[in-house]
C-alpha atoms as a PDB file:
ATOM      1  CA  MET A   1      33.793   9.757   3.988  1.00  0.00           C
ATOM      2  CA  PRO A   2      31.557  12.310   5.532  1.00  0.00           C
ATOM      3  CA  GLN A   3      28.288  12.859   3.748  1.00  0.00           C
ATOM      4  CA  PRO A   4      26.431  16.149   3.395  1.00  0.00           C
ATOM      5  CA  PRO A   5      25.892  18.079   6.616  1.00  0.00           C
ATOM      6  CA  ARG A   6      22.179  18.651   6.754  1.00  0.00           C
ATOM      7  CA  LYS A   7      20.578  21.487   8.635  1.00  0.00           C
ATOM      8  CA  ARG A   8      18.252  20.583  11.456  1.00  0.00           C
ATOM      9  CA  PRO A   9      16.053  23.716  11.933  1.00  0.00           C
ATOM     10  CA  HIS A  10      15.230  23.017  15.613  1.00  0.00           C
ATOM     11  CA  TYR A  11      18.691  21.810  16.621  1.00  0.00           C
ATOM     12  CA  GLN A  12      20.974  24.176  18.470  1.00  0.00           C
ATOM     13  CA  ALA A  13      24.330  23.237  19.973  1.00  0.00           C
ATOM     14  CA  LYS A  14      25.841  25.064  22.884  1.00  0.00           C
ATOM     15  CA  LYS A  15      29.353  24.343  21.729  1.00  0.00           C
ATOM     16  CA  THR A  16      31.267  22.648  18.971  1.00  0.00           C
ATOM     17  CA  TRP A  17      34.084  20.174  18.924  1.00  0.00           C
ATOM     18  CA  LYS A  18      37.157  21.353  17.045  1.00  0.00           C
ATOM     19  CA  GLN A  19      38.425  18.876  14.537  1.00  0.00           C
ATOM     20  CA  GLY A  20      42.084  18.985  13.860  1.00  0.00           C
ATOM     21  CA  GLY A  21      44.014  16.031  12.340  1.00  0.00           C
ATOM     22  CA  GLY A  22      41.244  13.486  12.824  1.00  0.00           C
ATOM     23  CA  PRO A  23      40.988  10.854  10.181  1.00  0.00           C
ATOM     24  CA  ARG A  24      38.881  11.109   7.093  1.00  0.00           C
ATOM     25  CA  PRO A  25      40.212   9.347   3.999  1.00  0.00           C
ATOM     26  CA  GLY A  26      41.955  11.125   1.175  1.00  0.00           C
ATOM     27  CA  GLY A  27      44.907  10.231  -1.023  1.00  0.00           C
ATOM     28  CA  GLY A  28      46.193   9.031  -4.335  1.00  0.00           C
ATOM     29  CA  ASN A  29      48.918  10.110  -6.700  1.00  0.00           C
ATOM     30  CA  PRO A  30      49.247  13.926  -7.064  1.00  0.00           C
ATOM     31  CA  GLY A  31      50.810  15.745  -9.895  1.00  0.00           C
ATOM     32  CA  TYR A  32      49.147  13.846 -12.753  1.00  0.00           C
ATOM     33  CA  SER A  33      49.112  15.755 -16.002  1.00  0.00           C
ATOM     34  CA  GLY A  34      47.721  14.013 -18.990  1.00  0.00           C
ATOM     35  CA  PRO A  35      44.673  13.786 -21.215  1.00  0.00           C
ATOM     36  CA  LYS A  36      41.574  15.735 -20.463  1.00  0.00           C
ATOM     37  CA  ARG A  37      39.672  14.075 -17.655  1.00  0.00           C
ATOM     38  CA  PRO A  38      35.997  13.222 -18.050  1.00  0.00           C
ATOM     39  CA  ALA A  39      33.543  15.081 -15.904  1.00  0.00           C
ATOM     40  CA  PRO A  40      32.474  13.170 -12.745  1.00  0.00           C
ATOM     41  CA  ARG A  41      29.260  11.230 -13.092  1.00  0.00           C
ATOM     42  CA  ARG A  42      26.479  12.861 -11.051  1.00  0.00           C
ATOM     43  CA  ASP A  43      23.948  10.587  -9.476  1.00  0.00           C
ATOM     44  CA  GLY A  44      21.683  12.591  -7.206  1.00  0.00           C
ATOM     45  CA  PRO A  45      21.912  16.073  -5.743  1.00  0.00           C
ATOM     46  CA  GLU A  46      25.210  17.973  -5.648  1.00  0.00           C
ATOM     47  CA  GLN A  47      25.726  18.480  -1.930  1.00  0.00           C
ATOM     48  CA  GLY A  48      28.313  17.553   0.609  1.00  0.00           C
ATOM     49  CA  TRP A  49      31.514  18.821   2.120  1.00  0.00           C
ATOM     50  CA  ASP A  50      32.212  21.411  -0.552  1.00  0.00           C
ATOM     51  CA  GLN A  51      32.414  24.233   1.954  1.00  0.00           C
ATOM     52  CA  VAL A  52      35.390  22.591   3.625  1.00  0.00           C
ATOM     53  CA  ALA A  53      36.726  20.392   0.812  1.00  0.00           C
ATOM     54  CA  GLY A  54      39.851  22.467   0.136  1.00  0.00           C
ATOM     55  CA  TRP A  55      40.819  22.546   3.829  1.00  0.00           C
ATOM     56  CA  TYR A  56      40.154  18.881   4.210  1.00  0.00           C
ATOM     57  CA  ASP A  57      42.115  17.913   1.162  1.00  0.00           C
ATOM     58  CA  LYS A  58      45.168  19.754   2.502  1.00  0.00           C
ATOM     59  CA  LEU A  59      44.691  18.307   6.005  1.00  0.00           C
ATOM     60  CA  VAL A  60      44.601  14.686   4.887  1.00  0.00           C
ATOM     61  CA  GLY A  61      47.109  14.939   2.030  1.00  0.00           C
ATOM     62  CA  ASP A  62      47.942  12.209  -0.447  1.00  0.00           C
ATOM     63  CA  ARG A  63      48.506   9.192   1.792  1.00  0.00           C
ATOM     64  CA  GLY A  64      45.921   9.753   4.548  1.00  0.00           C
ATOM     65  CA  SER A  65      46.587  10.656   8.135  1.00  0.00           C
ATOM     66  CA  ASP A  66      48.941   8.881  10.504  1.00  0.00           C
ATOM     67  CA  TYR A  67      45.930   6.890  11.759  1.00  0.00           C
ATOM     68  CA  HIS A  68      44.947   5.937   8.181  1.00  0.00           C
ATOM     69  CA  ARG A  69      48.379   4.553   7.384  1.00  0.00           C
ATOM     70  CA  ASN A  70      48.943   2.678  10.635  1.00  0.00           C
ATOM     71  CA  VAL A  71      45.473   1.543  11.798  1.00  0.00           C
ATOM     72  CA  ILE A  72      42.511   2.278   9.558  1.00  0.00           C
ATOM     73  CA  LEU A  73      43.604   1.223   6.071  1.00  0.00           C
ATOM     74  CA  PRO A  74      45.512  -1.943   7.150  1.00  0.00           C
ATOM     75  CA  ALA A  75      42.418  -3.129   9.043  1.00  0.00           C
ATOM     76  CA  ALA A  76      40.064  -2.241   6.150  1.00  0.00           C
ATOM     77  CA  MET A  77      42.112  -4.132   3.564  1.00  0.00           C
ATOM     78  CA  ARG A  78      42.629  -7.112   5.800  1.00  0.00           C
ATOM     79  CA  LEU A  79      38.855  -7.471   6.487  1.00  0.00           C
ATOM     80  CA  LEU A  80      37.818  -6.666   2.930  1.00  0.00           C
ATOM     81  CA  ALA A  81      40.359  -9.089   1.439  1.00  0.00           C
ATOM     82  CA  PRO A  82      39.849  -7.918  -2.127  1.00  0.00           C
ATOM     83  CA  ALA A  83      40.539 -10.557  -4.788  1.00  0.00           C
ATOM     84  CA  PRO A  84      41.986  -9.897  -8.308  1.00  0.00           C
ATOM     85  CA  GLY A  85      39.289  -9.153 -10.853  1.00  0.00           C
ATOM     86  CA  GLU A  86      36.671  -7.990  -8.389  1.00  0.00           C
ATOM     87  CA  LYS A  87      34.386  -4.966  -8.737  1.00  0.00           C
ATOM     88  CA  ILE A  88      34.472  -2.905  -5.591  1.00  0.00           C
ATOM     89  CA  LEU A  89      32.492   0.082  -4.292  1.00  0.00           C
ATOM     90  CA  ASP A  90      34.264   2.746  -2.209  1.00  0.00           C
ATOM     91  CA  LEU A  91      31.321   4.535  -0.561  1.00  0.00           C
ATOM     92  CA  CYS A  92      31.851   8.077   0.762  1.00  0.00           C
ATOM     93  CA  CYS A  93      35.260   7.905  -0.887  1.00  0.00           C
ATOM     94  CA  GLY A  94      36.259  11.593  -0.643  1.00  0.00           C
ATOM     95  CA  GLN A  95      39.612  12.124  -2.376  1.00  0.00           C
ATOM     96  CA  GLY A  96      40.117   8.369  -2.653  1.00  0.00           C
ATOM     97  CA  VAL A  97      42.630   7.175  -0.106  1.00  0.00           C
ATOM     98  CA  LEU A  98      41.441   3.596  -0.396  1.00  0.00           C
ATOM     99  CA  ILE A  99      41.514   3.498  -4.189  1.00  0.00           C
ATOM    100  CA  PRO A 100      45.259   2.928  -4.747  1.00  0.00           C
ATOM    101  CA  LEU A 101      45.182  -0.013  -2.344  1.00  0.00           C
ATOM    102  CA  LEU A 102      42.287  -1.554  -4.210  1.00  0.00           C
ATOM    103  CA  LEU A 103      44.100  -1.170  -7.510  1.00  0.00           C
ATOM    104  CA  GLU A 104      47.204  -2.658  -6.029  1.00  0.00           C
ATOM    105  CA  ALA A 105      45.079  -5.618  -5.086  1.00  0.00           C
ATOM    106  CA  LYS A 106      44.171  -5.888  -8.822  1.00  0.00           C
ATOM    107  CA  ALA A 107      40.564  -4.924  -8.559  1.00  0.00           C
ATOM    108  CA  ALA A 108      39.054  -4.883 -12.054  1.00  0.00           C
ATOM    109  CA  LYS A 109      36.768  -1.879 -11.318  1.00  0.00           C
ATOM    110  CA  VAL A 110      36.530   0.582  -8.452  1.00  0.00           C
ATOM    111  CA  THR A 111      33.502   2.840  -8.146  1.00  0.00           C
ATOM    112  CA  GLY A 112      33.993   5.818  -5.802  1.00  0.00           C
ATOM    113  CA  VAL A 113      30.898   7.572  -4.554  1.00  0.00           C
ATOM    114  CA  ASP A 114      30.841  10.819  -2.520  1.00  0.00           C
ATOM    115  CA  ALA A 115      28.332  13.638  -2.109  1.00  0.00           C
ATOM    116  CA  SER A 116      30.963  16.370  -2.481  1.00  0.00           C
ATOM    117  CA  PRO A 117      31.677  17.384  -6.103  1.00  0.00           C
ATOM    118  CA  ARG A 118      34.889  19.104  -5.021  1.00  0.00           C
ATOM    119  CA  LEU A 119      36.234  16.025  -3.294  1.00  0.00           C
ATOM    120  CA  ILE A 120      35.332  13.867  -6.291  1.00  0.00           C
ATOM    121  CA  GLU A 121      37.209  16.359  -8.475  1.00  0.00           C
ATOM    122  CA  SER A 122      40.235  15.994  -6.150  1.00  0.00           C
ATOM    123  CA  ALA A 123      40.080  12.259  -6.711  1.00  0.00           C
ATOM    124  CA  GLN A 124      39.952  12.786 -10.474  1.00  0.00           C
ATOM    125  CA  ARG A 125      43.062  15.012 -10.342  1.00  0.00           C
ATOM    126  CA  ARG A 126      44.928  12.265  -8.474  1.00  0.00           C
ATOM    127  CA  PHE A 127      43.948   9.309 -10.588  1.00  0.00           C
ATOM    128  CA  GLY A 128      43.389  10.790 -14.055  1.00  0.00           C
ATOM    129  CA  PRO A 129      41.303   8.947 -16.663  1.00  0.00           C
ATOM    130  CA  ASP A 130      42.064   5.515 -15.384  1.00  0.00           C
ATOM    131  CA  PRO A 131      39.487   3.176 -17.034  1.00  0.00           C
ATOM    132  CA  ARG A 132      39.325   1.035 -13.920  1.00  0.00           C
ATOM    133  CA  ILE A 133      37.967   3.944 -11.839  1.00  0.00           C
ATOM    134  CA  ASP A 134      34.484   5.385 -11.958  1.00  0.00           C
ATOM    135  CA  LEU A 135      33.836   8.432  -9.779  1.00  0.00           C
ATOM    136  CA  VAL A 136      30.254   9.418  -8.917  1.00  0.00           C
ATOM    137  CA  VAL A 137      28.787  12.436  -7.151  1.00  0.00           C
ATOM    138  CA  ALA A 138      25.885  11.010  -5.134  1.00  0.00           C
ATOM    139  CA  ASP A 139      24.326  10.954  -1.692  1.00  0.00           C
ATOM    140  CA  ALA A 140      24.992   7.586  -0.119  1.00  0.00           C
ATOM    141  CA  CYS A 141      21.583   7.639   1.547  1.00  0.00           C
ATOM    142  CA  VAL A 142      19.621   7.988  -1.721  1.00  0.00           C
ATOM    143  CA  PRO A 143      19.020   5.275  -4.344  1.00  0.00           C
ATOM    144  CA  GLY A 144      21.325   5.694  -7.345  1.00  0.00           C
ATOM    145  CA  SER A 145      22.548   3.827 -10.378  1.00  0.00           C
ATOM    146  CA  TRP A 146      25.663   2.782  -8.507  1.00  0.00           C
ATOM    147  CA  ALA A 147      23.561   0.659  -6.139  1.00  0.00           C
ATOM    148  CA  ASP A 148      22.904  -1.891  -8.915  1.00  0.00           C
ATOM    149  CA  GLY A 149      23.747  -5.202  -7.295  1.00  0.00           C
ATOM    150  CA  SER A 150      26.874  -5.650  -9.381  1.00  0.00           C
ATOM    151  CA  HIS A 151      29.678  -5.234  -6.800  1.00  0.00           C
ATOM    152  CA  ASP A 152      31.614  -8.075  -5.223  1.00  0.00           C
ATOM    153  CA  ALA A 153      32.552  -5.952  -2.229  1.00  0.00           C
ATOM    154  CA  ALA A 154      32.092  -2.508  -0.719  1.00  0.00           C
ATOM    155  CA  ALA A 155      33.867  -0.359   1.860  1.00  0.00           C
ATOM    156  CA  CYS A 156      32.919   2.740   3.876  1.00  0.00           C
ATOM    157  CA  ILE A 157      35.910   4.249   5.612  1.00  0.00           C
ATOM    158  CA  MET A 158      35.443   6.771   8.389  1.00  0.00           C
ATOM    159  CA  ALA A 159      31.988   7.901   7.331  1.00  0.00           C
ATOM    160  CA  VAL A 160      29.335   5.982   9.315  1.00  0.00           C
ATOM    161  CA  HIS A 161      29.361   8.805  11.859  1.00  0.00           C
ATOM    162  CA  ASP A 162      28.983  11.459   9.154  1.00  0.00           C
ATOM    163  CA  VAL A 163      25.864  10.009   7.532  1.00  0.00           C
ATOM    164  CA  PRO A 164      22.551  11.497   8.729  1.00  0.00           C
ATOM    165  CA  ASP A 165      20.374   8.451   7.809  1.00  0.00           C
ATOM    166  CA  LEU A 166      22.391   5.311   8.504  1.00  0.00           C
ATOM    167  CA  PRO A 167      19.564   2.802   7.850  1.00  0.00           C
ATOM    168  CA  ALA A 168      19.080   4.396   4.396  1.00  0.00           C
ATOM    169  CA  MET A 169      22.795   4.154   3.637  1.00  0.00           C
ATOM    170  CA  ALA A 170      22.865   0.514   4.806  1.00  0.00           C
ATOM    171  CA  ARG A 171      20.042  -0.284   2.418  1.00  0.00           C
ATOM    172  CA  GLN A 172      21.956   1.290  -0.477  1.00  0.00           C
ATOM    173  CA  VAL A 173      25.078  -0.711   0.427  1.00  0.00           C
ATOM    174  CA  ALA A 174      23.053  -3.914   0.373  1.00  0.00           C
ATOM    175  CA  ALA A 175      21.484  -2.893  -2.951  1.00  0.00           C
ATOM    176  CA  SER A 176      24.945  -2.317  -4.477  1.00  0.00           C
ATOM    177  CA  LEU A 177      26.216  -5.872  -3.661  1.00  0.00           C
ATOM    178  CA  LYS A 178      25.806  -9.243  -5.302  1.00  0.00           C
ATOM    179  CA  PRO A 179      24.315 -12.018  -3.117  1.00  0.00           C
ATOM    180  CA  GLY A 180      27.143 -13.044  -0.795  1.00  0.00           C
ATOM    181  CA  GLY A 181      28.954  -9.730  -1.403  1.00  0.00           C
ATOM    182  CA  ARG A 182      31.159  -8.370   1.348  1.00  0.00           C
ATOM    183  CA  PHE A 183      30.983  -5.029   3.161  1.00  0.00           C
ATOM    184  CA  VAL A 184      33.533  -3.483   5.535  1.00  0.00           C
ATOM    185  CA  ALA A 185      33.120  -0.248   7.502  1.00  0.00           C
ATOM    186  CA  VAL A 186      35.631   1.446   9.779  1.00  0.00           C
ATOM    187  CA  PHE A 187      34.386   4.302  11.970  1.00  0.00           C
ATOM    188  CA  MET A 188      35.015   6.185  15.173  1.00  0.00           C
ATOM    189  CA  HIS A 189      34.304   3.976  18.195  1.00  0.00           C
ATOM    190  CA  PRO A 190      30.747   4.763  19.348  1.00  0.00           C
ATOM    191  CA  CYS A 191      31.530   4.098  23.020  1.00  0.00           C
ATOM    192  CA  PHE A 192      34.779   5.914  23.608  1.00  0.00           C
ATOM    193  CA  ARG A 193      35.169   8.598  20.897  1.00  0.00           C
ATOM    194  CA  ILE A 194      32.127  10.817  21.198  1.00  0.00           C
ATOM    195  CA  PRO A 195      32.945  14.522  20.567  1.00  0.00           C
ATOM    196  CA  GLN A 196      32.141  16.690  23.595  1.00  0.00           C
ATOM    197  CA  GLN A 197      30.910  13.687  25.586  1.00  0.00           C
ATOM    198  CA  ALA A 198      34.074  11.537  26.086  1.00  0.00           C
ATOM    199  CA  HIS A 199      37.211  12.837  27.724  1.00  0.00           C
ATOM    200  CA  TRP A 200      40.552  11.756  29.110  1.00  0.00           C
ATOM    201  CA  GLY A 201      41.149  12.102  32.865  1.00  0.00           C
ATOM    202  CA  TRP A 202      44.025  11.453  35.177  1.00  0.00           C
ATOM    203  CA  ASP A 203      43.894   9.793  38.589  1.00  0.00           C
ATOM    204  CA  GLU A 204      46.986  11.086  40.425  1.00  0.00           C
ATOM    205  CA  GLY A 205      46.655   8.677  43.328  1.00  0.00           C
ATOM    206  CA  ARG A 206      46.590   5.574  41.140  1.00  0.00           C
ATOM    207  CA  LYS A 207      48.776   7.090  38.361  1.00  0.00           C
ATOM    208  CA  LEU A 208      46.067   6.013  35.995  1.00  0.00           C
ATOM    209  CA  GLN A 209      44.669   7.599  32.875  1.00  0.00           C
ATOM    210  CA  PHE A 210      40.963   6.932  32.441  1.00  0.00           C
ATOM    211  CA  ARG A 211      38.240   7.575  29.887  1.00  0.00           C
ATOM    212  CA  ARG A 212      35.174   9.419  31.113  1.00  0.00           C
ATOM    213  CA  VAL A 213      31.970   9.134  29.046  1.00  0.00           C
ATOM    214  CA  ASP A 214      29.284  11.677  29.855  1.00  0.00           C
ATOM    215  CA  ARG A 215      26.613  10.571  27.373  1.00  0.00           C
ATOM    216  CA  TYR A 216      26.277   7.478  25.230  1.00  0.00           C
ATOM    217  CA  GLY A 217      22.869   5.880  24.988  1.00  0.00           C
ATOM    218  CA  VAL A 218      20.967   8.746  23.194  1.00  0.00           C
ATOM    219  CA  PRO A 219      21.721   9.544  19.500  1.00  0.00           C
ATOM    220  CA  GLN A 220      23.231  12.985  19.132  1.00  0.00           C
ATOM    221  CA  GLU A 221      24.021  15.424  16.351  1.00  0.00           C
ATOM    222  CA  ILE A 222      27.249  17.227  17.256  1.00  0.00           C
ATOM    223  CA  PRO A 223      28.515  20.188  15.206  1.00  0.00           C
ATOM    224  CA  ILE A 224      32.239  20.127  14.523  1.00  0.00           C
ATOM    225  CA  VAL A 225      34.433  23.200  13.728  1.00  0.00           C
ATOM    226  CA  THR A 226      36.433  21.945  10.713  1.00  0.00           C
ATOM    227  CA  HIS A 227      39.373  24.330  10.788  1.00  0.00           C
ATOM    228  CA  PRO A 228      39.793  25.819  14.224  1.00  0.00           C
ATOM    229  CA  GLY A 229      41.959  28.903  14.593  1.00  0.00           C
ATOM    230  CA  GLN A 230      41.437  30.054  11.003  1.00  0.00           C
ATOM    231  CA  GLY A 231      38.150  31.852  11.416  1.00  0.00           C
ATOM    232  CA  GLY A 232      35.054  31.330   9.280  1.00  0.00           C
ATOM    233  CA  GLY A 233      33.249  28.984  11.657  1.00  0.00           C
ATOM    234  CA  ASP A 234      32.530  26.227   9.098  1.00  0.00           C
ATOM    235  CA  THR A 235      31.012  23.185  10.693  1.00  0.00           C
ATOM    236  CA  THR A 236      30.017  19.664   9.804  1.00  0.00           C
ATOM    237  CA  THR A 237      27.924  17.249  11.805  1.00  0.00           C
ATOM    238  CA  PHE A 238      29.031  14.178  13.727  1.00  0.00           C
ATOM    239  CA  TYR A 239      26.140  11.726  14.177  1.00  0.00           C
ATOM    240  CA  HIS A 240      26.641   9.707  17.340  1.00  0.00           C
ATOM    241  CA  ARG A 241      24.736   6.431  17.611  1.00  0.00           C
ATOM    242  CA  PRO A 242      25.041   3.645  20.189  1.00  0.00           C
ATOM    243  CA  VAL A 243      26.680   0.447  18.954  1.00  0.00           C
ATOM    244  CA  GLY A 244      23.382  -1.381  18.884  1.00  0.00           C
ATOM    245  CA  ASP A 245      21.809   1.182  16.536  1.00  0.00           C
ATOM    246  CA  VAL A 246      24.820   0.878  14.112  1.00  0.00           C
ATOM    247  CA  LEU A 247      24.786  -2.897  13.980  1.00  0.00           C
ATOM    248  CA  THR A 248      20.991  -3.056  13.724  1.00  0.00           C
ATOM    249  CA  ALA A 249      20.994  -0.639  10.784  1.00  0.00           C
ATOM    250  CA  PHE A 250      23.210  -2.996   8.769  1.00  0.00           C
ATOM    251  CA  GLY A 251      21.547  -6.149   9.969  1.00  0.00           C
ATOM    252  CA  GLN A 252      18.056  -4.957   9.027  1.00  0.00           C
ATOM    253  CA  ALA A 253      19.352  -3.981   5.596  1.00  0.00           C
ATOM    254  CA  GLY A 254      20.299  -7.614   4.982  1.00  0.00           C
ATOM    255  CA  LEU A 255      23.959  -7.342   5.828  1.00  0.00           C
ATOM    256  CA  GLY A 256      24.959 -10.029   8.318  1.00  0.00           C
ATOM    257  CA  VAL A 257      27.775  -8.977  10.581  1.00  0.00           C
ATOM    258  CA  THR A 258      30.548 -11.634  10.568  1.00  0.00           C
ATOM    259  CA  VAL A 259      33.358  -9.732  12.322  1.00  0.00           C
ATOM    260  CA  CYS A 260      33.442  -6.830  14.752  1.00  0.00           C
ATOM    261  CA  GLU A 261      36.890  -5.558  15.723  1.00  0.00           C
ATOM    262  CA  GLU A 262      37.931  -2.730  18.016  1.00  0.00           C
ATOM    263  CA  LEU A 263      41.043  -0.901  16.773  1.00  0.00           C
ATOM    264  CA  TYR A 264      43.546   0.706  19.092  1.00  0.00           C
ATOM    265  CA  SER A 265      45.948   3.601  18.624  1.00  0.00           C
ATOM    266  CA  HIS A 266      49.488   2.821  17.563  1.00  0.00           C
ATOM    267  CA  ARG A 267      50.776   5.959  19.273  1.00  0.00           C
ATOM    268  CA  ARG A 268      52.741   5.958  22.542  1.00  0.00           C
ATOM    269  CA  SER A 269      53.503   8.696  25.017  1.00  0.00           C
ATOM    270  CA  GLN A 270      56.822  10.471  25.402  1.00  0.00           C
ATOM    271  CA  PRO A 271      58.866   9.493  28.480  1.00  0.00           C
ATOM    272  CA  GLY A 272      57.573  11.179  31.588  1.00  0.00           C
ATOM    273  CA  PRO A 273      55.729  10.659  34.888  1.00  0.00           C
ATOM    274  CA  ARG A 274      52.454   9.844  33.160  1.00  0.00           C
ATOM    275  CA  ALA A 275      53.785   7.733  30.317  1.00  0.00           C
ATOM    276  CA  LYS A 276      53.155   4.350  31.868  1.00  0.00           C
ATOM    277  CA  GLY A 277      49.528   5.144  32.705  1.00  0.00           C
ATOM    278  CA  GLU A 278      48.906   6.796  29.344  1.00  0.00           C
ATOM    279  CA  ASN A 279      50.392   3.895  27.405  1.00  0.00           C
ATOM    280  CA  ARG A 280      48.287   1.459  29.418  1.00  0.00           C
ATOM    281  CA  ALA A 281      45.174   3.456  28.591  1.00  0.00           C
ATOM    282  CA  VAL A 282      45.991   3.404  24.848  1.00  0.00           C
ATOM    283  CA  LYS A 283      45.849  -0.367  24.921  1.00  0.00           C
ATOM    284  CA  GLU A 284      42.584  -0.452  26.934  1.00  0.00           C
ATOM    285  CA  PHE A 285      40.370   2.072  25.073  1.00  0.00           C
ATOM    286  CA  PRO A 286      39.885   1.589  21.314  1.00  0.00           C
ATOM    287  CA  VAL A 287      39.758   4.493  18.937  1.00  0.00           C
ATOM    288  CA  PHE A 288      37.900   2.884  16.024  1.00  0.00           C
ATOM    289  CA  MET A 289      35.465   0.076  15.324  1.00  0.00           C
ATOM    290  CA  ALA A 290      35.552  -2.107  12.249  1.00  0.00           C
ATOM    291  CA  ILE A 291      32.801  -4.424  11.071  1.00  0.00           C
ATOM    292  CA  SER A 292      32.713  -6.954   8.246  1.00  0.00           C
ATOM    293  CA  CYS A 293      29.403  -8.056   6.775  1.00  0.00           C
ATOM    294  CA  VAL A 294      28.043 -10.421   4.108  1.00  0.00           C
ATOM    295  CA  LYS A 295      24.901  -9.758   2.059  1.00  0.00           C
ATOM    296  CA  ARG A 296      22.364 -12.398   2.871  1.00  0.00           C
END
């Protein structure tokens, strides 16, 4: 889940990318009414996506986006392969879209960590005082009590590109795991899904849809308008990094990459003159990247 947008005093963007229904996890079981819920545990500064938490909660809903249900979560669960009785960390958990799946897999304990108090509160409303769930307000880039070496596995779903200091986050992931512990991350594909810098194009002569990438090799901080058309101008930051930088951050933290998968869209075009070319492109250009690591 996205971590706190941090102001860069010397950074100015000429334009922003408007985020609509793009994936960011959220979910659970709404409508719970029961015993008074304990306050979320706070581990580090209270900062995060609070300014847009209400909008985001409504956008994602209770089951996650279409991409979550059909691509992101199935891949995450397959790679993570949680076993009954394990203790699992859901880092940058937001409203907790992954948590029900981990509980269905009979995890003994799930710790959800996110920098946004409001998103953690949303998760609490969904899950209630379940003794198997511990929800923590904390910055994933800062050492905290949750990074205690006690977890069998950890996951970070759609947040690698929202974290300002990826090497620091990778070190905290490693610190949270037992030796031999597993880590899975799913994130926007660094090569083909770069806001403002990657675009679809159409070659009429060849009846071919292509992907144009304007910039890739230089890390970028890209401001994103979180609810276009509604005014207010709230933005978060997308941190683009080349693939090598992402894999190196985890490798240098002591997380050996064992699997790297590129995930493609399940969507298909409506019948029309461009449908064949568009459907071919969907199978050629991945939307997400998934990596599986083991703590050395």
